[in-house]
Amino acid sequence: MKHIEALIDEGGEITVGAADGVECAATAADHHNTLVMLVRREGESVAALLKRLDRALGRYWATGETVDEVNSADD
């Protein structure tokens, strides 16, 4: 999980737990912005959720595209 490790090494943070009415989410943020917010899928292990978070962080750094499944979960 090299992208999560790099984020933390640079002073960023990740969280895993309930968020805005979602039973379980994983989020990643730097000093200024939330970069990725993922909703845990039915049957998804926490380890798989963290791997998905790591991949999404990698995509963010490559493209600048953020991911927000938490606020789009109601859509």
PDB file of N, CA and C in Angstrom:
ATOM      1  N   MET A   1       0.826  -1.181   0.000  1.00  0.00           N
ATOM      2  CA  MET A   1       0.000   0.000   0.000  1.00  0.00           C
ATOM      3  C   MET A   1       0.873   1.249   0.000  1.00  0.00           C
ATOM      4  N   LYS A   2       1.639   1.346  -1.066  1.00  0.00           N
ATOM      5  CA  LYS A   2       2.647   2.401  -1.155  1.00  0.00           C
ATOM      6  C   LYS A   2       2.052   3.804  -1.214  1.00  0.00           C
ATOM      7  N   HIS A   3       0.867   3.964  -1.782  1.00  0.00           N
ATOM      8  CA  HIS A   3       0.279   5.302  -1.889  1.00  0.00           C
ATOM      9  C   HIS A   3      -0.227   5.784  -0.531  1.00  0.00           C
ATOM     10  N   ILE A   4      -0.812   4.884   0.249  1.00  0.00           N
ATOM     11  CA  ILE A   4      -1.239   5.233   1.607  1.00  0.00           C
ATOM     12  C   ILE A   4      -0.018   5.588   2.443  1.00  0.00           C
ATOM     13  N   GLU A   5       1.022   4.796   2.336  1.00  0.00           N
ATOM     14  CA  GLU A   5       2.253   5.061   3.093  1.00  0.00           C
ATOM     15  C   GLU A   5       2.848   6.417   2.726  1.00  0.00           C
ATOM     16  N   ALA A   6       2.869   6.739   1.435  1.00  0.00           N
ATOM     17  CA  ALA A   6       3.411   8.026   0.992  1.00  0.00           C
ATOM     18  C   ALA A   6       2.571   9.186   1.518  1.00  0.00           C
ATOM     19  N   LEU A   7       1.262   9.032   1.488  1.00  0.00           N
ATOM     20  CA  LEU A   7       0.375  10.073   1.994  1.00  0.00           C
ATOM     21  C   LEU A   7       0.647  10.341   3.474  1.00  0.00           C
ATOM     22  N   ILE A   8       0.749   9.289   4.268  1.00  0.00           N
ATOM     23  CA  ILE A   8       1.006   9.430   5.700  1.00  0.00           C
ATOM     24  C   ILE A   8       2.391  10.019   5.938  1.00  0.00           C
ATOM     25  N   ASP A   9       3.377   9.580   5.171  1.00  0.00           N
ATOM     26  CA  ASP A   9       4.736  10.122   5.303  1.00  0.00           C
ATOM     27  C   ASP A   9       4.781  11.618   5.024  1.00  0.00           C
ATOM     28  N   GLU A  10       3.871  12.104   4.178  1.00  0.00           N
ATOM     29  CA  GLU A  10       3.816  13.525   3.836  1.00  0.00           C
ATOM     30  C   GLU A  10       2.892  14.305   4.761  1.00  0.00           C
ATOM     31  N   GLY A  11       2.418  13.674   5.848  1.00  0.00           N
ATOM     32  CA  GLY A  11       1.575  14.364   6.817  1.00  0.00           C
ATOM     33  C   GLY A  11       0.086  14.237   6.573  1.00  0.00           C
ATOM     34  N   GLY A  12      -0.303  13.450   5.591  1.00  0.00           N
ATOM     35  CA  GLY A  12      -1.721  13.218   5.327  1.00  0.00           C
ATOM     36  C   GLY A  12      -2.277  12.169   6.267  1.00  0.00           C
ATOM     37  N   GLU A  13      -3.533  11.841   6.077  1.00  0.00           N
ATOM     38  CA  GLU A  13      -4.161  10.859   6.963  1.00  0.00           C
ATOM     39  C   GLU A  13      -5.214  10.043   6.234  1.00  0.00           C
ATOM     40  N   ILE A  14      -5.479   8.866   6.780  1.00  0.00           N
ATOM     41  CA  ILE A  14      -6.603   8.061   6.325  1.00  0.00           C
ATOM     42  C   ILE A  14      -7.478   7.777   7.539  1.00  0.00           C
ATOM     43  N   THR A  15      -8.755   7.545   7.285  1.00  0.00           N
ATOM     44  CA  THR A  15      -9.680   7.134   8.328  1.00  0.00           C
ATOM     45  C   THR A  15     -10.534   6.003   7.789  1.00  0.00           C
ATOM     46  N   VAL A  16     -10.955   5.135   8.690  1.00  0.00           N
ATOM     47  CA  VAL A  16     -11.859   4.050   8.335  1.00  0.00           C
ATOM     48  C   VAL A  16     -12.918   3.992   9.422  1.00  0.00           C
ATOM     49  N   GLY A  17     -14.176   4.025   9.013  1.00  0.00           N
ATOM     50  CA  GLY A  17     -15.272   3.966   9.971  1.00  0.00           C
ATOM     51  C   GLY A  17     -16.511   4.629   9.409  1.00  0.00           C
ATOM     52  N   ALA A  18     -17.485   4.849  10.289  1.00  0.00           N
ATOM     53  CA  ALA A  18     -18.735   5.475   9.879  1.00  0.00           C
ATOM     54  C   ALA A  18     -18.469   6.912   9.437  1.00  0.00           C
ATOM     55  N   ALA A  19     -19.198   7.347   8.396  1.00  0.00           N
ATOM     56  CA  ALA A  19     -19.023   8.716   7.883  1.00  0.00           C
ATOM     57  C   ALA A  19     -20.314   9.196   7.244  1.00  0.00           C
ATOM     58  N   ASP A  20     -20.842  10.294   7.746  1.00  0.00           N
ATOM     59  CA  ASP A  20     -22.014  10.941   7.137  1.00  0.00           C
ATOM     60  C   ASP A  20     -23.136   9.964   6.792  1.00  0.00           C
ATOM     61  N   GLY A  21     -23.507   9.130   7.737  1.00  0.00           N
ATOM     62  CA  GLY A  21     -24.610   8.209   7.523  1.00  0.00           C
ATOM     63  C   GLY A  21     -24.247   6.937   6.792  1.00  0.00           C
ATOM     64  N   VAL A  22     -22.985   6.766   6.429  1.00  0.00           N
ATOM     65  CA  VAL A  22     -22.517   5.546   5.776  1.00  0.00           C
ATOM     66  C   VAL A  22     -21.931   4.647   6.860  1.00  0.00           C
ATOM     67  N   GLU A  23     -22.320   3.389   6.863  1.00  0.00           N
ATOM     68  CA  GLU A  23     -21.879   2.463   7.904  1.00  0.00           C
ATOM     69  C   GLU A  23     -20.366   2.323   7.975  1.00  0.00           C
ATOM     70  N   CYS A  24     -19.706   2.240   6.818  1.00  0.00           N
ATOM     71  CA  CYS A  24     -18.249   2.121   6.805  1.00  0.00           C
ATOM     72  C   CYS A  24     -17.693   2.757   5.537  1.00  0.00           C
ATOM     73  N   ALA A  25     -16.740   3.647   5.743  1.00  0.00           N
ATOM     74  CA  ALA A  25     -16.078   4.320   4.634  1.00  0.00           C
ATOM     75  C   ALA A  25     -14.591   4.394   4.925  1.00  0.00           C
ATOM     76  N   ALA A  26     -13.814   4.581   3.888  1.00  0.00           N
ATOM     77  CA  ALA A  26     -12.378   4.830   4.015  1.00  0.00           C
ATOM     78  C   ALA A  26     -12.098   6.145   3.302  1.00  0.00           C
ATOM     79  N   THR A  27     -11.407   7.043   3.995  1.00  0.00           N
ATOM     80  CA  THR A  27     -11.100   8.339   3.407  1.00  0.00           C
ATOM     81  C   THR A  27      -9.613   8.617   3.486  1.00  0.00           C
ATOM     82  N   ALA A  28      -9.144   9.435   2.567  1.00  0.00           N
ATOM     83  CA  ALA A  28      -7.742   9.857   2.537  1.00  0.00           C
ATOM     84  C   ALA A  28      -7.715  11.357   2.288  1.00  0.00           C
ATOM     85  N   ALA A  29      -6.896  12.062   3.085  1.00  0.00           N
ATOM     86  CA  ALA A  29      -6.815  13.521   2.961  1.00  0.00           C
ATOM     87  C   ALA A  29      -5.380  13.980   3.133  1.00  0.00           C
ATOM     88  N   ASP A  30      -5.056  15.085   2.438  1.00  0.00           N
ATOM     89  CA  ASP A  30      -3.770  15.725   2.662  1.00  0.00           C
ATOM     90  C   ASP A  30      -4.000  16.913   3.592  1.00  0.00           C
ATOM     91  N   HIS A  31      -3.083  17.837   3.658  1.00  0.00           N
ATOM     92  CA  HIS A  31      -3.214  18.988   4.553  1.00  0.00           C
ATOM     93  C   HIS A  31      -4.365  19.906   4.174  1.00  0.00           C
ATOM     94  N   HIS A  32      -4.801  19.869   2.927  1.00  0.00           N
ATOM     95  CA  HIS A  32      -5.757  20.843   2.424  1.00  0.00           C
ATOM     96  C   HIS A  32      -7.091  20.254   1.982  1.00  0.00           C
ATOM     97  N   ASN A  33      -7.091  19.043   1.472  1.00  0.00           N
ATOM     98  CA  ASN A  33      -8.283  18.496   0.825  1.00  0.00           C
ATOM     99  C   ASN A  33      -8.483  17.018   1.133  1.00  0.00           C
ATOM    100  N   THR A  34      -9.744  16.613   1.041  1.00  0.00           N
ATOM    101  CA  THR A  34     -10.051  15.191   1.027  1.00  0.00           C
ATOM    102  C   THR A  34      -9.863  14.719  -0.405  1.00  0.00           C
ATOM    103  N   LEU A  35      -9.065  13.686  -0.571  1.00  0.00           N
ATOM    104  CA  LEU A  35      -8.705  13.215  -1.905  1.00  0.00           C
ATOM    105  C   LEU A  35      -9.572  12.052  -2.366  1.00  0.00           C
ATOM    106  N   VAL A  36      -9.882  11.148  -1.422  1.00  0.00           N
ATOM    107  CA  VAL A  36     -10.632   9.942  -1.759  1.00  0.00           C
ATOM    108  C   VAL A  36     -11.587   9.624  -0.615  1.00  0.00           C
ATOM    109  N   MET A  37     -12.842   9.288  -0.960  1.00  0.00           N
ATOM    110  CA  MET A  37     -13.828   8.816   0.010  1.00  0.00           C
ATOM    111  C   MET A  37     -14.523   7.600  -0.601  1.00  0.00           C
ATOM    112  N   LEU A  38     -14.275   6.445  -0.031  1.00  0.00           N
ATOM    113  CA  LEU A  38     -14.843   5.209  -0.562  1.00  0.00           C
ATOM    114  C   LEU A  38     -15.836   4.611   0.428  1.00  0.00           C
ATOM    115  N   VAL A  39     -16.918   4.043  -0.076  1.00  0.00           N
ATOM    116  CA  VAL A  39     -17.895   3.330   0.733  1.00  0.00           C
ATOM    117  C   VAL A  39     -17.566   1.841   0.670  1.00  0.00           C
ATOM    118  N   ARG A  40     -17.531   1.216   1.838  1.00  0.00           N
ATOM    119  CA  ARG A  40     -17.270  -0.229   1.881  1.00  0.00           C
ATOM    120  C   ARG A  40     -18.434  -0.965   1.227  1.00  0.00           C
ATOM    121  N   ARG A  41     -18.110  -1.831   0.299  1.00  0.00           N
ATOM    122  CA  ARG A  41     -19.111  -2.595  -0.439  1.00  0.00           C
ATOM    123  C   ARG A  41     -19.586  -3.786   0.382  1.00  0.00           C
ATOM    124  N   GLU A  42     -20.779  -4.230   0.082  1.00  0.00           N
ATOM    125  CA  GLU A  42     -21.316  -5.397   0.777  1.00  0.00           C
ATOM    126  C   GLU A  42     -20.387  -6.585   0.578  1.00  0.00           C
ATOM    127  N   GLY A  43     -19.979  -7.214   1.674  1.00  0.00           N
ATOM    128  CA  GLY A  43     -19.097  -8.367   1.622  1.00  0.00           C
ATOM    129  C   GLY A  43     -17.625  -8.025   1.462  1.00  0.00           C
ATOM    130  N   GLU A  44     -17.298  -6.754   1.320  1.00  0.00           N
ATOM    131  CA  GLU A  44     -15.898  -6.331   1.133  1.00  0.00           C
ATOM    132  C   GLU A  44     -15.171  -6.333   2.472  1.00  0.00           C
ATOM    133  N   SER A  45     -14.012  -6.945   2.525  1.00  0.00           N
ATOM    134  CA  SER A  45     -13.211  -6.936   3.752  1.00  0.00           C
ATOM    135  C   SER A  45     -12.568  -5.561   3.916  1.00  0.00           C
ATOM    136  N   VAL A  46     -12.166  -5.259   5.138  1.00  0.00           N
ATOM    137  CA  VAL A  46     -11.473  -3.994   5.386  1.00  0.00           C
ATOM    138  C   VAL A  46     -10.158  -3.973   4.615  1.00  0.00           C
ATOM    139  N   ALA A  47      -9.481  -5.105   4.545  1.00  0.00           N
ATOM    140  CA  ALA A  47      -8.227  -5.169   3.785  1.00  0.00           C
ATOM    141  C   ALA A  47      -8.457  -4.829   2.313  1.00  0.00           C
ATOM    142  N   ALA A  48      -9.530  -5.351   1.725  1.00  0.00           N
ATOM    143  CA  ALA A  48      -9.844  -5.056   0.326  1.00  0.00           C
ATOM    144  C   ALA A  48     -10.204  -3.581   0.155  1.00  0.00           C
ATOM    145  N   LEU A  49     -10.924  -3.015   1.127  1.00  0.00           N
ATOM    146  CA  LEU A  49     -11.268  -1.591   1.081  1.00  0.00           C
ATOM    147  C   LEU A  49     -10.004  -0.739   1.109  1.00  0.00           C
ATOM    148  N   LEU A  50      -9.041  -1.098   1.956  1.00  0.00           N
ATOM    149  CA  LEU A  50      -7.790  -0.341   2.024  1.00  0.00           C
ATOM    150  C   LEU A  50      -6.982  -0.464   0.735  1.00  0.00           C
ATOM    151  N   LYS A  51      -7.001  -1.633   0.113  1.00  0.00           N
ATOM    152  CA  LYS A  51      -6.310  -1.799  -1.173  1.00  0.00           C
ATOM    153  C   LYS A  51      -6.963  -0.924  -2.240  1.00  0.00           C
ATOM    154  N   ARG A  52      -8.301  -0.852  -2.203  1.00  0.00           N
ATOM    155  CA  ARG A  52      -9.016   0.001  -3.153  1.00  0.00           C
ATOM    156  C   ARG A  52      -8.691   1.474  -2.896  1.00  0.00           C
ATOM    157  N   LEU A  53      -8.571   1.844  -1.618  1.00  0.00           N
ATOM    158  CA  LEU A  53      -8.176   3.206  -1.251  1.00  0.00           C
ATOM    159  C   LEU A  53      -6.788   3.520  -1.786  1.00  0.00           C
ATOM    160  N   ASP A  54      -5.877   2.590  -1.655  1.00  0.00           N
ATOM    161  CA  ASP A  54      -4.515   2.782  -2.145  1.00  0.00           C
ATOM    162  C   ASP A  54      -4.507   2.991  -3.660  1.00  0.00           C
ATOM    163  N   ARG A  55      -5.267   2.184  -4.384  1.00  0.00           N
ATOM    164  CA  ARG A  55      -5.338   2.335  -5.852  1.00  0.00           C
ATOM    165  C   ARG A  55      -5.956   3.682  -6.236  1.00  0.00           C
ATOM    166  N   ALA A  56      -6.994   4.098  -5.510  1.00  0.00           N
ATOM    167  CA  ALA A  56      -7.640   5.379  -5.803  1.00  0.00           C
ATOM    168  C   ALA A  56      -6.687   6.544  -5.542  1.00  0.00           C
ATOM    169  N   LEU A  57      -5.872   6.437  -4.497  1.00  0.00           N
ATOM    170  CA  LEU A  57      -4.861   7.469  -4.244  1.00  0.00           C
ATOM    171  C   LEU A  57      -3.854   7.531  -5.380  1.00  0.00           C
ATOM    172  N   GLY A  58      -3.437   6.386  -5.865  1.00  0.00           N
ATOM    173  CA  GLY A  58      -2.524   6.343  -7.004  1.00  0.00           C
ATOM    174  C   GLY A  58      -3.119   7.013  -8.224  1.00  0.00           C
ATOM    175  N   ARG A  59      -4.399   6.752  -8.486  1.00  0.00           N
ATOM    176  CA  ARG A  59      -5.082   7.405  -9.619  1.00  0.00           C
ATOM    177  C   ARG A  59      -5.165   8.911  -9.393  1.00  0.00           C
ATOM    178  N   TYR A  60      -5.436   9.324  -8.141  1.00  0.00           N
ATOM    179  CA  TYR A  60      -5.496  10.767  -7.849  1.00  0.00           C
ATOM    180  C   TYR A  60      -4.157  11.420  -8.196  1.00  0.00           C
ATOM    181  N   TRP A  61      -3.064  10.838  -7.742  1.00  0.00           N
ATOM    182  CA  TRP A  61      -1.754  11.438  -8.007  1.00  0.00           C
ATOM    183  C   TRP A  61      -1.391  11.425  -9.495  1.00  0.00           C
ATOM    184  N   ALA A  62      -1.903  10.448 -10.219  1.00  0.00           N
ATOM    185  CA  ALA A  62      -1.617  10.370 -11.653  1.00  0.00           C
ATOM    186  C   ALA A  62      -2.483  11.326 -12.475  1.00  0.00           C
ATOM    187  N   THR A  63      -3.736  11.536 -12.041  1.00  0.00           N
ATOM    188  CA  THR A  63      -4.685  12.288 -12.869  1.00  0.00           C
ATOM    189  C   THR A  63      -5.250  13.541 -12.207  1.00  0.00           C
ATOM    190  N   GLY A  64      -5.158  13.631 -10.870  1.00  0.00           N
ATOM    191  CA  GLY A  64      -5.769  14.751 -10.147  1.00  0.00           C
ATOM    192  C   GLY A  64      -7.251  14.565  -9.887  1.00  0.00           C
ATOM    193  N   GLU A  65      -7.792  13.404 -10.262  1.00  0.00           N
ATOM    194  CA  GLU A  65      -9.218  13.134 -10.100  1.00  0.00           C
ATOM    195  C   GLU A  65      -9.511  12.609  -8.700  1.00  0.00           C
ATOM    196  N   THR A  66     -10.378  13.328  -7.964  1.00  0.00           N
ATOM    197  CA  THR A  66     -10.792  12.853  -6.649  1.00  0.00           C
ATOM    198  C   THR A  66     -11.925  11.847  -6.796  1.00  0.00           C
ATOM    199  N   VAL A  67     -12.146  11.054  -5.752  1.00  0.00           N
ATOM    200  CA  VAL A  67     -13.225  10.077  -5.732  1.00  0.00           C
ATOM    201  C   VAL A  67     -14.057  10.338  -4.484  1.00  0.00           C
ATOM    202  N   ASP A  68     -15.373  10.457  -4.635  1.00  0.00           N
ATOM    203  CA  ASP A  68     -16.275  10.685  -3.505  1.00  0.00           C
ATOM    204  C   ASP A  68     -17.489   9.777  -3.610  1.00  0.00           C
ATOM    205  N   GLU A  69     -17.358   8.568  -3.091  1.00  0.00           N
ATOM    206  CA  GLU A  69     -18.484   7.634  -3.067  1.00  0.00           C
ATOM    207  C   GLU A  69     -19.423   7.928  -1.907  1.00  0.00           C
ATOM    208  N   VAL A  70     -18.959   8.606  -0.875  1.00  0.00           N
ATOM    209  CA  VAL A  70     -19.788   8.882   0.310  1.00  0.00           C
ATOM    210  C   VAL A  70     -20.933   9.821  -0.055  1.00  0.00           C
ATOM    211  N   ASN A  71     -20.612  10.940  -0.667  1.00  0.00           N
ATOM    212  CA  ASN A  71     -21.649  11.917  -0.995  1.00  0.00           C
ATOM    213  C   ASN A  71     -22.433  11.552  -2.243  1.00  0.00           C
ATOM    214  N   SER A  72     -21.913  10.649  -3.044  1.00  0.00           N
ATOM    215  CA  SER A  72     -22.656  10.208  -4.221  1.00  0.00           C
ATOM    216  C   SER A  72     -23.444   8.930  -3.946  1.00  0.00           C
ATOM    217  N   ALA A  73     -23.344   8.401  -2.708  1.00  0.00           N
ATOM    218  CA  ALA A  73     -24.052   7.162  -2.357  1.00  0.00           C
ATOM    219  C   ALA A  73     -25.563   7.354  -2.409  1.00  0.00           C
ATOM    220  N   ASP A  74     -26.036   8.580  -2.200  1.00  0.00           N
ATOM    221  CA  ASP A  74     -27.465   8.855  -2.228  1.00  0.00           C
ATOM    222  C   ASP A  74     -28.000   9.054  -3.636  1.00  0.00           C
ATOM    223  N   ASP A  75     -27.124   9.269  -4.588  1.00  0.00           N
ATOM    224  CA  ASP A  75     -27.535   9.555  -5.977  1.00  0.00           C
ATOM    225  C   ASP A  75     -28.109   8.339  -6.655  1.00  0.00           C
TER     226      ASP A  75
END
